[in-house]
Amino acid sequence: MRAIWKGSISFGLVNIPIGLYPATRKEDISFRQLRADDLSPIRYKRVADADGEEVPWEKIVKGYEYEKGQFVIVDDKDFEKAMPEATQSIDIIEFVDLAEIDPMFFDKPYYLEPQKGGKKAYALLREVLKETGKVGIARVVIKTRQHLAAVKPKDASLVLELMHFPDEVLEPAGLDLPREEKLGNKEMDMATSLVKTMSGNWNPGDFKDEYRDKLIALIEEKVKNGGKDVAIPKVKAKAATNVVDLVAVLQKSLAETKKKSGHAGEKSSHRKKTLKKAA
């Protein structure tokens, strides 16, 4: 894996040389747009609204629309004037409790790797963050953009997680949300029991992008069948729960969940007995 950025983490007078590496990836399926008649790929042209003429790249400028139909040109010099100073440093401003940060602020994680001479200070920062339950809130310039970020410990590594600035996080203004809904004790007790019965340990390997897997399987079948349609069973959408039937639905859900967990326990017990016999 190649570092996408190299610099350092700084807090106080401590400076740790690091490399920045992607921690996630998007598993998207790419498609081309084609003409239906002969499956010829479609290309796009840049045309001007005024006359429909194609515009070459060298004649294209960037403009900000400050009023409807009114633009001001912003060129490379303007961008350079506004660009924050690229210090190649992740400057930790303060340390805060991770529990205090609303998860809505977190955006994209990156792994940090210590560079030559930085391992001891890297390990020290990682262990102190683990011990205190704190994260380092920092500013960092990557390419041409300044980001708010958090430096967090994860197992043997430190992670830099880019964050949204406060004005980028929206409030649910205008949404018709239940504020003072009357909830009965029976409903609360049963819903709590259902949550407890359905609770388990987080195992990310249990979850897959089912839509992507089905779509890839469908595409592979169509390729085998020369592009012909493939029959896929439809899944019925679940009906919304009626308020009147809420208790009945909770009772049924609880019974089915307990039944499933009981079967899972029986299977596990049977598996253990089989292994004992085999031993």
Foldseek 3Di string as FASTA:
>chain_A
DDFLAWAWEDDDHDTFTKGKAFPDDDPDDDDFDADPPPRHGDDDFDADPVPRDGDDPVPDFDWDPPDVVDTDTDDPVNLVVPFDDQNSYWYFPDKDAPVVDDPLFWDGKIWIGTDPPRVVVQQVVLVVCVVVNIWTWTWHARPRDIFTWTWHHDVRTIMITTTDDPVVRDDPPPDPDDDDDDDDPLLVVLVVLLCVLPDDDDDPVVDDPVVVVVVVVQVVVCVVVVNDHDDDDDDDDDDDDDPVCSSVVSVVSSVVSVVVVVVVVVVVVVVVVVVVVVD
